[in-house]
Amino acid sequence: MSDEKKWYVLRVISGKEKKLRDIIEKEIRLSGWSEIIPQVIVPTEKVYKLKGGKKVIHEKNFFPGYLMLEAVAAKFNPDIVLHLQNMTNVISFIERNKPIPLKKAEVNRILGKVDEQEEVGGTTNEPFLVGEDVKITDGPFNDFTGTIEEIMEDKKKLRVVVKIFGRKTPVELNFMQVEKQ
């Protein structure tokens, strides 16, 4: 029997990923499946934000509503699949009847992306676009909203136009001082 491990994707209720991962890991220990399912992960990325002038690391789900299971393909039988699918807050595997493993390239892309961001030390928010509305989350203009006028990628800064007393005023802000609306 081959001990080749493959990755499977489990769709779950969004917002319940970490709690469900812990429940599944406990179930794996209790049922003695640790040889069959060695890992259950929630793909996350670290995002930096400024709160009160301090850099705060916030962990964000990379794929909300999904868990990844590593399993020995030959031993990942229908009983285990059915048991996992019938757990509370689990919707199903991507393929309901017979879970299909991810391709190696997909796994490397997903896990590589997560690892790469941990090495780099996280990421700012999603890329910004000129003309996009943003909310200022830090600094003297906290809670103001404005429109991006210019993006200075090399300096990691934005020029945002905010209305102050009815006049449009350009303000230069760090990427971490704003969030998308």
N, C-alpha and C. Protein backbone atom coordinates (compact mmCIF):
# COMPACT_ATOMS: atom_id res chain seq x y z
N MET A 1 0.83 -1.19 0.00
CA MET A 1 0.00 0.00 0.00
C MET A 1 0.88 1.26 0.00
N SER A 2 0.53 2.21 -0.84
CA SER A 2 1.32 3.44 -0.96
C SER A 2 1.03 4.38 0.21
N ASP A 3 2.08 4.99 0.72
CA ASP A 3 1.90 5.96 1.80
C ASP A 3 1.97 7.39 1.27
N GLU A 4 1.63 7.57 0.00
CA GLU A 4 1.68 8.91 -0.60
C GLU A 4 0.61 9.81 0.03
N LYS A 5 1.06 10.98 0.48
CA LYS A 5 0.15 11.93 1.12
C LYS A 5 -0.32 12.95 0.09
N LYS A 6 -1.60 13.26 0.16
CA LYS A 6 -2.19 14.25 -0.75
C LYS A 6 -3.02 15.23 0.06
N TRP A 7 -3.25 16.39 -0.52
CA TRP A 7 -4.02 17.43 0.15
C TRP A 7 -5.44 17.48 -0.41
N TYR A 8 -6.39 17.62 0.51
CA TYR A 8 -7.81 17.70 0.16
C TYR A 8 -8.37 18.99 0.75
N VAL A 9 -9.40 19.52 0.08
CA VAL A 9 -10.01 20.78 0.55
C VAL A 9 -11.39 20.48 1.10
N LEU A 10 -11.65 20.99 2.30
CA LEU A 10 -12.92 20.80 2.98
C LEU A 10 -13.60 22.17 3.08
N ARG A 11 -14.81 22.27 2.54
CA ARG A 11 -15.57 23.53 2.64
C ARG A 11 -16.27 23.55 3.99
N VAL A 12 -16.15 24.69 4.69
CA VAL A 12 -16.74 24.83 6.02
C VAL A 12 -17.45 26.17 6.13
N ILE A 13 -18.21 26.34 7.20
CA ILE A 13 -18.88 27.61 7.44
C ILE A 13 -17.82 28.67 7.68
N SER A 14 -17.91 29.78 6.95
CA SER A 14 -16.93 30.86 7.08
C SER A 14 -16.95 31.43 8.49
N GLY A 15 -15.78 31.66 9.05
CA GLY A 15 -15.67 32.17 10.40
C GLY A 15 -15.47 31.07 11.44
N LYS A 16 -15.69 29.83 11.04
CA LYS A 16 -15.57 28.69 11.96
C LYS A 16 -14.33 27.84 11.67
N GLU A 17 -13.46 28.32 10.77
CA GLU A 17 -12.34 27.51 10.31
C GLU A 17 -11.43 27.05 11.43
N LYS A 18 -10.96 27.97 12.27
CA LYS A 18 -10.00 27.60 13.33
C LYS A 18 -10.63 26.69 14.38
N LYS A 19 -11.86 27.00 14.76
CA LYS A 19 -12.55 26.18 15.75
C LYS A 19 -12.76 24.77 15.21
N LEU A 20 -13.15 24.70 13.95
CA LEU A 20 -13.39 23.40 13.33
C LEU A 20 -12.09 22.62 13.15
N ARG A 21 -10.99 23.31 12.82
CA ARG A 21 -9.70 22.64 12.71
C ARG A 21 -9.36 21.96 14.04
N ASP A 22 -9.57 22.69 15.15
CA ASP A 22 -9.28 22.12 16.47
C ASP A 22 -10.16 20.91 16.77
N ILE A 23 -11.43 21.00 16.39
CA ILE A 23 -12.36 19.88 16.61
C ILE A 23 -11.95 18.66 15.78
N ILE A 24 -11.58 18.90 14.52
CA ILE A 24 -11.16 17.80 13.64
C ILE A 24 -9.88 17.16 14.16
N GLU A 25 -8.92 17.99 14.61
CA GLU A 25 -7.68 17.44 15.16
C GLU A 25 -7.95 16.58 16.38
N LYS A 26 -8.88 17.01 17.22
CA LYS A 26 -9.25 16.23 18.41
C LYS A 26 -9.89 14.90 17.98
N GLU A 27 -10.76 14.97 17.00
CA GLU A 27 -11.43 13.76 16.48
C GLU A 27 -10.41 12.79 15.88
N ILE A 28 -9.40 13.33 15.19
CA ILE A 28 -8.34 12.49 14.61
C ILE A 28 -7.59 11.74 15.72
N ARG A 29 -7.27 12.45 16.81
CA ARG A 29 -6.57 11.81 17.94
C ARG A 29 -7.45 10.74 18.58
N LEU A 30 -8.72 11.06 18.83
CA LEU A 30 -9.63 10.12 19.49
C LEU A 30 -9.91 8.88 18.64
N SER A 31 -10.00 9.06 17.32
CA SER A 31 -10.32 7.95 16.43
C SER A 31 -9.10 7.18 15.97
N GLY A 32 -7.89 7.65 16.33
CA GLY A 32 -6.67 6.97 15.94
C GLY A 32 -6.34 7.13 14.46
N TRP A 33 -6.73 8.26 13.88
CA TRP A 33 -6.49 8.50 12.45
C TRP A 33 -5.23 9.33 12.21
N SER A 34 -4.42 9.54 13.22
CA SER A 34 -3.25 10.42 13.05
C SER A 34 -2.27 9.88 12.00
N GLU A 35 -2.28 8.57 11.75
CA GLU A 35 -1.44 8.01 10.69
C GLU A 35 -2.03 8.29 9.31
N ILE A 36 -3.35 8.47 9.26
CA ILE A 36 -4.04 8.68 7.99
C ILE A 36 -4.11 10.17 7.64
N ILE A 37 -4.42 11.01 8.64
CA ILE A 37 -4.53 12.46 8.43
C ILE A 37 -3.52 13.17 9.35
N PRO A 38 -2.29 13.39 8.88
CA PRO A 38 -1.28 14.00 9.74
C PRO A 38 -1.46 15.50 9.98
N GLN A 39 -2.11 16.21 9.03
CA GLN A 39 -2.22 17.67 9.18
C GLN A 39 -3.57 18.19 8.76
N VAL A 40 -4.05 19.19 9.51
CA VAL A 40 -5.23 19.96 9.13
C VAL A 40 -4.82 21.42 9.29
N ILE A 41 -4.91 22.20 8.22
CA ILE A 41 -4.50 23.60 8.34
C ILE A 41 -5.57 24.56 7.84
N VAL A 42 -5.52 25.77 8.39
CA VAL A 42 -6.32 26.88 7.91
C VAL A 42 -5.32 27.82 7.24
N PRO A 43 -5.36 27.93 5.92
CA PRO A 43 -4.41 28.83 5.27
C PRO A 43 -4.66 30.28 5.69
N THR A 44 -3.65 30.89 6.32
CA THR A 44 -3.78 32.27 6.78
C THR A 44 -2.60 33.09 6.30
N GLU A 45 -2.75 34.40 6.35
CA GLU A 45 -1.66 35.32 6.05
C GLU A 45 -1.62 36.37 7.13
N LYS A 46 -0.44 36.91 7.37
CA LYS A 46 -0.29 37.96 8.36
C LYS A 46 -0.42 39.30 7.66
N VAL A 47 -1.26 40.17 8.23
CA VAL A 47 -1.48 41.49 7.67
C VAL A 47 -1.13 42.50 8.75
N TYR A 48 -0.35 43.50 8.38
CA TYR A 48 0.01 44.55 9.33
C TYR A 48 -0.95 45.72 9.19
N LYS A 49 -1.36 46.27 10.33
CA LYS A 49 -2.19 47.47 10.35
C LYS A 49 -1.64 48.39 11.43
N LEU A 50 -1.90 49.66 11.27
CA LEU A 50 -1.52 50.61 12.31
C LEU A 50 -2.74 50.90 13.18
N LYS A 51 -2.59 50.72 14.46
CA LYS A 51 -3.65 51.03 15.43
C LYS A 51 -3.02 51.88 16.51
N GLY A 52 -3.49 53.09 16.67
CA GLY A 52 -2.95 53.97 17.71
C GLY A 52 -1.47 54.25 17.52
N GLY A 53 -1.03 54.31 16.27
CA GLY A 53 0.37 54.61 15.99
C GLY A 53 1.30 53.43 16.12
N LYS A 54 0.77 52.25 16.45
CA LYS A 54 1.61 51.07 16.60
C LYS A 54 1.25 50.04 15.53
N LYS A 55 2.27 49.32 15.07
CA LYS A 55 2.08 48.27 14.08
C LYS A 55 1.52 47.05 14.78
N VAL A 56 0.36 46.58 14.31
CA VAL A 56 -0.29 45.42 14.90
C VAL A 56 -0.40 44.34 13.84
N ILE A 57 -0.01 43.11 14.19
CA ILE A 57 -0.11 41.99 13.26
C ILE A 57 -1.50 41.37 13.42
N HIS A 58 -2.17 41.24 12.31
CA HIS A 58 -3.51 40.66 12.29
C HIS A 58 -3.46 39.46 11.37
N GLU A 59 -3.98 38.33 11.80
CA GLU A 59 -3.98 37.13 10.97
C GLU A 59 -5.30 37.05 10.23
N LYS A 60 -5.22 36.90 8.91
CA LYS A 60 -6.41 36.90 8.07
C LYS A 60 -6.46 35.58 7.30
N ASN A 61 -7.66 35.01 7.19
CA ASN A 61 -7.81 33.77 6.44
C ASN A 61 -7.52 34.03 4.98
N PHE A 62 -6.67 33.18 4.41
CA PHE A 62 -6.28 33.29 3.02
C PHE A 62 -7.42 32.84 2.12
N PHE A 63 -8.12 31.77 2.51
CA PHE A 63 -9.28 31.26 1.80
C PHE A 63 -10.42 31.08 2.80
N PRO A 64 -11.19 32.13 3.08
CA PRO A 64 -12.29 31.99 4.04
C PRO A 64 -13.26 30.88 3.63
N GLY A 65 -13.63 30.06 4.61
CA GLY A 65 -14.58 28.98 4.35
C GLY A 65 -13.95 27.68 3.88
N TYR A 66 -12.61 27.57 3.99
CA TYR A 66 -11.94 26.35 3.55
C TYR A 66 -10.88 25.89 4.55
N LEU A 67 -10.76 24.57 4.69
CA LEU A 67 -9.69 23.94 5.47
C LEU A 67 -8.94 23.02 4.51
N MET A 68 -7.69 22.77 4.80
CA MET A 68 -6.92 21.82 4.00
C MET A 68 -6.52 20.64 4.88
N LEU A 69 -6.73 19.43 4.36
CA LEU A 69 -6.36 18.21 5.08
C LEU A 69 -5.28 17.49 4.28
N GLU A 70 -4.23 17.08 4.97
CA GLU A 70 -3.25 16.22 4.33
C GLU A 70 -3.60 14.80 4.76
N ALA A 71 -3.72 13.90 3.80
CA ALA A 71 -4.11 12.53 4.14
C ALA A 71 -3.36 11.55 3.26
N VAL A 72 -3.15 10.34 3.83
CA VAL A 72 -2.55 9.25 3.06
C VAL A 72 -3.66 8.76 2.13
N ALA A 73 -3.48 8.99 0.84
CA ALA A 73 -4.53 8.74 -0.15
C ALA A 73 -5.09 7.31 -0.10
N ALA A 74 -4.22 6.33 0.03
CA ALA A 74 -4.65 4.92 0.01
C ALA A 74 -5.50 4.55 1.23
N LYS A 75 -5.29 5.25 2.36
CA LYS A 75 -6.02 4.91 3.60
C LYS A 75 -7.19 5.85 3.88
N PHE A 76 -7.37 6.88 3.04
CA PHE A 76 -8.42 7.88 3.24
C PHE A 76 -9.72 7.29 2.69
N ASN A 77 -10.38 6.48 3.53
CA ASN A 77 -11.52 5.69 3.08
C ASN A 77 -12.85 6.45 3.19
N PRO A 78 -13.91 5.92 2.54
CA PRO A 78 -15.22 6.58 2.54
C PRO A 78 -15.81 6.79 3.95
N ASP A 79 -15.49 5.91 4.90
CA ASP A 79 -16.01 6.07 6.26
C ASP A 79 -15.46 7.35 6.91
N ILE A 80 -14.16 7.58 6.73
CA ILE A 80 -13.54 8.80 7.29
C ILE A 80 -14.12 10.02 6.60
N VAL A 81 -14.24 9.96 5.28
CA VAL A 81 -14.80 11.08 4.50
C VAL A 81 -16.20 11.40 4.99
N LEU A 82 -17.04 10.38 5.13
CA LEU A 82 -18.42 10.57 5.58
C LEU A 82 -18.45 11.16 6.99
N HIS A 83 -17.59 10.65 7.86
CA HIS A 83 -17.53 11.14 9.23
C HIS A 83 -17.18 12.64 9.26
N LEU A 84 -16.18 13.03 8.47
CA LEU A 84 -15.77 14.43 8.41
C LEU A 84 -16.87 15.31 7.82
N GLN A 85 -17.52 14.83 6.76
CA GLN A 85 -18.58 15.62 6.12
C GLN A 85 -19.80 15.80 7.01
N ASN A 86 -20.03 14.88 7.92
CA ASN A 86 -21.20 14.98 8.79
C ASN A 86 -20.95 15.78 10.07
N MET A 87 -19.75 16.34 10.21
CA MET A 87 -19.46 17.14 11.40
C MET A 87 -20.17 18.49 11.31
N THR A 88 -20.51 19.05 12.47
CA THR A 88 -21.15 20.36 12.53
C THR A 88 -20.23 21.41 11.90
N ASN A 89 -20.81 22.33 11.16
CA ASN A 89 -20.12 23.43 10.47
C ASN A 89 -19.32 23.02 9.25
N VAL A 90 -19.37 21.74 8.86
CA VAL A 90 -18.72 21.28 7.64
C VAL A 90 -19.77 21.27 6.54
N ILE A 91 -19.45 21.84 5.39
CA ILE A 91 -20.38 21.81 4.26
C ILE A 91 -20.14 20.53 3.47
N SER A 92 -18.93 20.36 2.94
CA SER A 92 -18.58 19.14 2.22
C SER A 92 -17.15 19.25 1.73
N PHE A 93 -16.67 18.19 1.13
CA PHE A 93 -15.41 18.27 0.39
C PHE A 93 -15.76 18.94 -0.93
N ILE A 94 -14.74 19.39 -1.64
CA ILE A 94 -14.99 20.05 -2.93
C ILE A 94 -15.81 19.13 -3.84
N GLU A 95 -15.44 17.87 -3.94
CA GLU A 95 -16.22 16.86 -4.65
C GLU A 95 -16.95 16.07 -3.58
N ARG A 96 -18.26 16.12 -3.57
CA ARG A 96 -19.05 15.51 -2.49
C ARG A 96 -18.86 14.00 -2.33
N ASN A 97 -19.02 13.26 -3.41
CA ASN A 97 -19.01 11.80 -3.32
C ASN A 97 -17.63 11.22 -3.03
N LYS A 98 -16.64 11.68 -3.76
CA LYS A 98 -15.29 11.15 -3.57
C LYS A 98 -14.33 12.33 -3.63
N PRO A 99 -13.76 12.71 -2.50
CA PRO A 99 -12.86 13.87 -2.49
C PRO A 99 -11.70 13.70 -3.48
N ILE A 100 -11.46 14.74 -4.25
CA ILE A 100 -10.37 14.72 -5.22
C ILE A 100 -9.21 15.52 -4.65
N PRO A 101 -8.01 14.92 -4.63
CA PRO A 101 -6.86 15.64 -4.08
C PRO A 101 -6.45 16.81 -4.97
N LEU A 102 -5.85 17.81 -4.34
CA LEU A 102 -5.30 18.94 -5.09
C LEU A 102 -4.08 18.48 -5.86
N LYS A 103 -3.81 19.16 -6.96
CA LYS A 103 -2.59 18.87 -7.73
C LYS A 103 -1.41 19.45 -6.97
N LYS A 104 -0.23 18.86 -7.16
CA LYS A 104 0.98 19.33 -6.46
C LYS A 104 1.24 20.81 -6.71
N ALA A 105 1.02 21.26 -7.94
CA ALA A 105 1.25 22.66 -8.29
C ALA A 105 0.32 23.59 -7.49
N GLU A 106 -0.94 23.16 -7.31
CA GLU A 106 -1.90 23.96 -6.53
C GLU A 106 -1.47 24.04 -5.07
N VAL A 107 -1.07 22.90 -4.52
CA VAL A 107 -0.64 22.86 -3.12
C VAL A 107 0.59 23.74 -2.92
N ASN A 108 1.57 23.60 -3.82
CA ASN A 108 2.77 24.42 -3.71
C ASN A 108 2.45 25.91 -3.81
N ARG A 109 1.52 26.25 -4.69
CA ARG A 109 1.14 27.65 -4.85
C ARG A 109 0.47 28.17 -3.56
N ILE A 110 -0.45 27.40 -3.02
CA ILE A 110 -1.17 27.82 -1.81
C ILE A 110 -0.23 27.86 -0.60
N LEU A 111 0.45 26.75 -0.33
CA LEU A 111 1.33 26.69 0.83
C LEU A 111 2.56 27.58 0.64
N GLY A 112 3.06 27.66 -0.58
CA GLY A 112 4.20 28.53 -0.87
C GLY A 112 3.85 29.97 -0.65
N LYS A 113 2.65 30.37 -1.03
CA LYS A 113 2.19 31.75 -0.84
C LYS A 113 2.12 32.07 0.65
N VAL A 114 1.57 31.16 1.43
CA VAL A 114 1.47 31.36 2.87
C VAL A 114 2.86 31.45 3.49
N ASP A 115 3.77 30.50 3.15
CA ASP A 115 5.13 30.50 3.68
C ASP A 115 5.87 31.77 3.29
N GLU A 116 5.74 32.17 2.03
CA GLU A 116 6.43 33.35 1.51
C GLU A 116 6.02 34.59 2.31
N GLN A 117 4.74 34.71 2.63
CA GLN A 117 4.30 35.88 3.36
C GLN A 117 4.77 35.87 4.80
N GLU A 118 4.93 34.68 5.39
CA GLU A 118 5.46 34.61 6.74
C GLU A 118 6.92 35.02 6.75
N GLU A 119 7.68 34.60 5.71
CA GLU A 119 9.10 34.96 5.62
C GLU A 119 9.28 36.46 5.43
N VAL A 120 8.46 37.03 4.55
CA VAL A 120 8.57 38.46 4.25
C VAL A 120 8.13 39.27 5.46
N GLY A 121 7.36 38.67 6.33
CA GLY A 121 6.90 39.39 7.51
C GLY A 121 5.52 39.96 7.30
N GLY A 122 4.73 39.24 6.52
CA GLY A 122 3.36 39.67 6.33
C GLY A 122 3.22 40.52 5.10
N THR A 123 2.05 41.08 4.97
CA THR A 123 1.73 41.88 3.81
C THR A 123 0.91 43.07 4.25
N THR A 124 0.89 44.08 3.42
CA THR A 124 -0.04 45.17 3.70
C THR A 124 -1.39 44.69 3.22
N ASN A 125 -2.34 45.55 3.12
CA ASN A 125 -3.64 45.15 2.62
C ASN A 125 -3.56 44.82 1.14
N GLU A 126 -4.70 44.55 0.53
CA GLU A 126 -4.74 44.26 -0.89
C GLU A 126 -4.19 45.47 -1.64
N PRO A 127 -3.78 45.28 -2.90
CA PRO A 127 -3.25 46.41 -3.66
C PRO A 127 -4.31 47.51 -3.82
N PHE A 128 -3.85 48.74 -3.83
CA PHE A 128 -4.75 49.88 -3.95
C PHE A 128 -4.82 50.34 -5.39
N LEU A 129 -5.91 51.04 -5.74
CA LEU A 129 -6.10 51.56 -7.08
C LEU A 129 -6.40 53.05 -7.01
N VAL A 130 -5.90 53.82 -7.97
CA VAL A 130 -6.20 55.25 -8.04
C VAL A 130 -7.70 55.40 -8.26
N GLY A 131 -8.32 56.33 -7.53
CA GLY A 131 -9.76 56.56 -7.63
C GLY A 131 -10.58 55.75 -6.64
N GLU A 132 -9.93 54.84 -5.92
CA GLU A 132 -10.60 53.99 -4.96
C GLU A 132 -10.83 54.75 -3.65
N ASP A 133 -11.98 54.51 -3.02
CA ASP A 133 -12.27 55.14 -1.72
C ASP A 133 -11.66 54.30 -0.60
N VAL A 134 -11.05 54.97 0.36
CA VAL A 134 -10.44 54.30 1.50
C VAL A 134 -10.84 55.01 2.79
N LYS A 135 -10.75 54.27 3.89
CA LYS A 135 -11.01 54.84 5.21
C LYS A 135 -9.67 54.96 5.92
N ILE A 136 -9.40 56.10 6.51
CA ILE A 136 -8.16 56.32 7.24
C ILE A 136 -8.34 55.74 8.64
N THR A 137 -7.39 54.87 9.04
CA THR A 137 -7.53 54.15 10.32
C THR A 137 -6.55 54.62 11.38
N ASP A 138 -5.64 55.53 11.02
CA ASP A 138 -4.64 55.94 11.99
C ASP A 138 -4.17 57.36 11.66
N GLY A 139 -3.75 58.08 12.70
CA GLY A 139 -3.20 59.41 12.51
C GLY A 139 -4.23 60.50 12.77
N PRO A 140 -3.89 61.75 12.47
CA PRO A 140 -4.78 62.86 12.78
C PRO A 140 -6.09 62.83 11.99
N PHE A 141 -6.12 62.11 10.87
CA PHE A 141 -7.33 62.05 10.06
C PHE A 141 -8.08 60.73 10.25
N ASN A 142 -7.87 60.09 11.41
CA ASN A 142 -8.52 58.83 11.75
C ASN A 142 -10.03 58.94 11.53
N ASP A 143 -10.64 57.92 10.92
CA ASP A 143 -12.07 57.82 10.62
C ASP A 143 -12.54 58.69 9.46
N PHE A 144 -11.64 59.45 8.81
CA PHE A 144 -12.02 60.18 7.61
C PHE A 144 -12.03 59.19 6.45
N THR A 145 -12.81 59.51 5.43
CA THR A 145 -12.75 58.73 4.20
C THR A 145 -12.24 59.63 3.09
N GLY A 146 -11.58 59.04 2.14
CA GLY A 146 -11.04 59.83 1.04
C GLY A 146 -10.86 58.97 -0.19
N THR A 147 -10.39 59.63 -1.25
CA THR A 147 -10.18 58.96 -2.52
C THR A 147 -8.69 58.97 -2.85
N ILE A 148 -8.19 57.82 -3.29
CA ILE A 148 -6.76 57.72 -3.63
C ILE A 148 -6.50 58.52 -4.90
N GLU A 149 -5.53 59.42 -4.81
CA GLU A 149 -5.15 60.26 -5.94
C GLU A 149 -3.86 59.78 -6.58
N GLU A 150 -2.94 59.24 -5.75
CA GLU A 150 -1.65 58.79 -6.25
C GLU A 150 -1.15 57.64 -5.37
N ILE A 151 -0.47 56.68 -5.99
CA ILE A 151 0.12 55.55 -5.27
C ILE A 151 1.63 55.61 -5.46
N MET A 152 2.36 55.68 -4.33
CA MET A 152 3.83 55.71 -4.38
C MET A 152 4.32 54.36 -3.87
N GLU A 153 4.31 53.38 -4.77
CA GLU A 153 4.62 51.99 -4.42
C GLU A 153 5.99 51.85 -3.76
N ASP A 154 6.99 52.56 -4.28
CA ASP A 154 8.35 52.44 -3.74
C ASP A 154 8.45 52.91 -2.30
N LYS A 155 7.65 53.92 -1.92
CA LYS A 155 7.68 54.44 -0.55
C LYS A 155 6.60 53.81 0.33
N LYS A 156 5.75 52.98 -0.30
CA LYS A 156 4.60 52.37 0.41
C LYS A 156 3.70 53.46 0.98
N LYS A 157 3.44 54.50 0.17
CA LYS A 157 2.59 55.60 0.60
C LYS A 157 1.53 55.89 -0.45
N LEU A 158 0.48 56.56 0.01
CA LEU A 158 -0.62 56.97 -0.85
C LEU A 158 -0.87 58.46 -0.67
N ARG A 159 -1.32 59.11 -1.73
CA ARG A 159 -1.82 60.48 -1.58
C ARG A 159 -3.34 60.34 -1.67
N VAL A 160 -4.01 60.68 -0.58
CA VAL A 160 -5.45 60.54 -0.48
C VAL A 160 -6.06 61.92 -0.34
N VAL A 161 -7.14 62.18 -1.08
CA VAL A 161 -7.82 63.46 -1.00
C VAL A 161 -9.00 63.29 -0.04
N VAL A 162 -9.00 64.10 1.04
CA VAL A 162 -10.09 64.08 2.01
C VAL A 162 -10.77 65.45 2.03
N LYS A 163 -12.04 65.46 2.38
CA LYS A 163 -12.75 66.74 2.49
C LYS A 163 -12.68 67.20 3.93
N ILE A 164 -12.07 68.38 4.12
CA ILE A 164 -11.98 68.98 5.45
C ILE A 164 -12.65 70.33 5.37
N PHE A 165 -13.70 70.53 6.13
CA PHE A 165 -14.50 71.76 6.12
C PHE A 165 -14.94 72.12 4.70
N GLY A 166 -15.35 71.10 3.94
CA GLY A 166 -15.85 71.33 2.60
C GLY A 166 -14.80 71.52 1.53
N ARG A 167 -13.52 71.48 1.88
CA ARG A 167 -12.45 71.67 0.90
C ARG A 167 -11.70 70.36 0.72
N LYS A 168 -11.33 70.08 -0.52
CA LYS A 168 -10.55 68.87 -0.79
C LYS A 168 -9.09 69.12 -0.43
N THR A 169 -8.56 68.27 0.44
CA THR A 169 -7.19 68.41 0.91
C THR A 169 -6.42 67.12 0.67
N PRO A 170 -5.26 67.19 -0.03
CA PRO A 170 -4.47 65.98 -0.22
C PRO A 170 -3.67 65.65 1.05
N VAL A 171 -3.65 64.37 1.40
CA VAL A 171 -2.94 63.91 2.59
C VAL A 171 -2.07 62.73 2.18
N GLU A 172 -0.79 62.72 2.61
CA GLU A 172 0.09 61.60 2.31
C GLU A 172 0.05 60.62 3.47
N LEU A 173 -0.27 59.37 3.16
CA LEU A 173 -0.44 58.35 4.20
C LEU A 173 0.33 57.08 3.85
N ASN A 174 0.72 56.37 4.90
CA ASN A 174 1.35 55.07 4.80
C ASN A 174 0.28 54.06 4.37
N PHE A 175 0.65 52.99 3.65
CA PHE A 175 -0.30 51.94 3.26
C PHE A 175 -1.06 51.40 4.46
N MET A 176 -0.38 51.32 5.61
CA MET A 176 -0.99 50.71 6.80
C MET A 176 -1.92 51.65 7.54
N GLN A 177 -1.99 52.90 7.10
CA GLN A 177 -2.86 53.86 7.77
C GLN A 177 -4.26 53.91 7.15
N VAL A 178 -4.48 53.12 6.10
CA VAL A 178 -5.78 53.12 5.44
C VAL A 178 -6.27 51.68 5.24
N GLU A 179 -7.57 51.58 5.05
CA GLU A 179 -8.13 50.29 4.68
C GLU A 179 -9.18 50.51 3.63
N LYS A 180 -9.39 49.51 2.80
CA LYS A 180 -10.39 49.61 1.73
C LYS A 180 -11.78 49.70 2.32
N GLN A 181 -12.66 50.37 1.62
CA GLN A 181 -14.04 50.49 2.08
C GLN A 181 -14.86 49.35 1.60
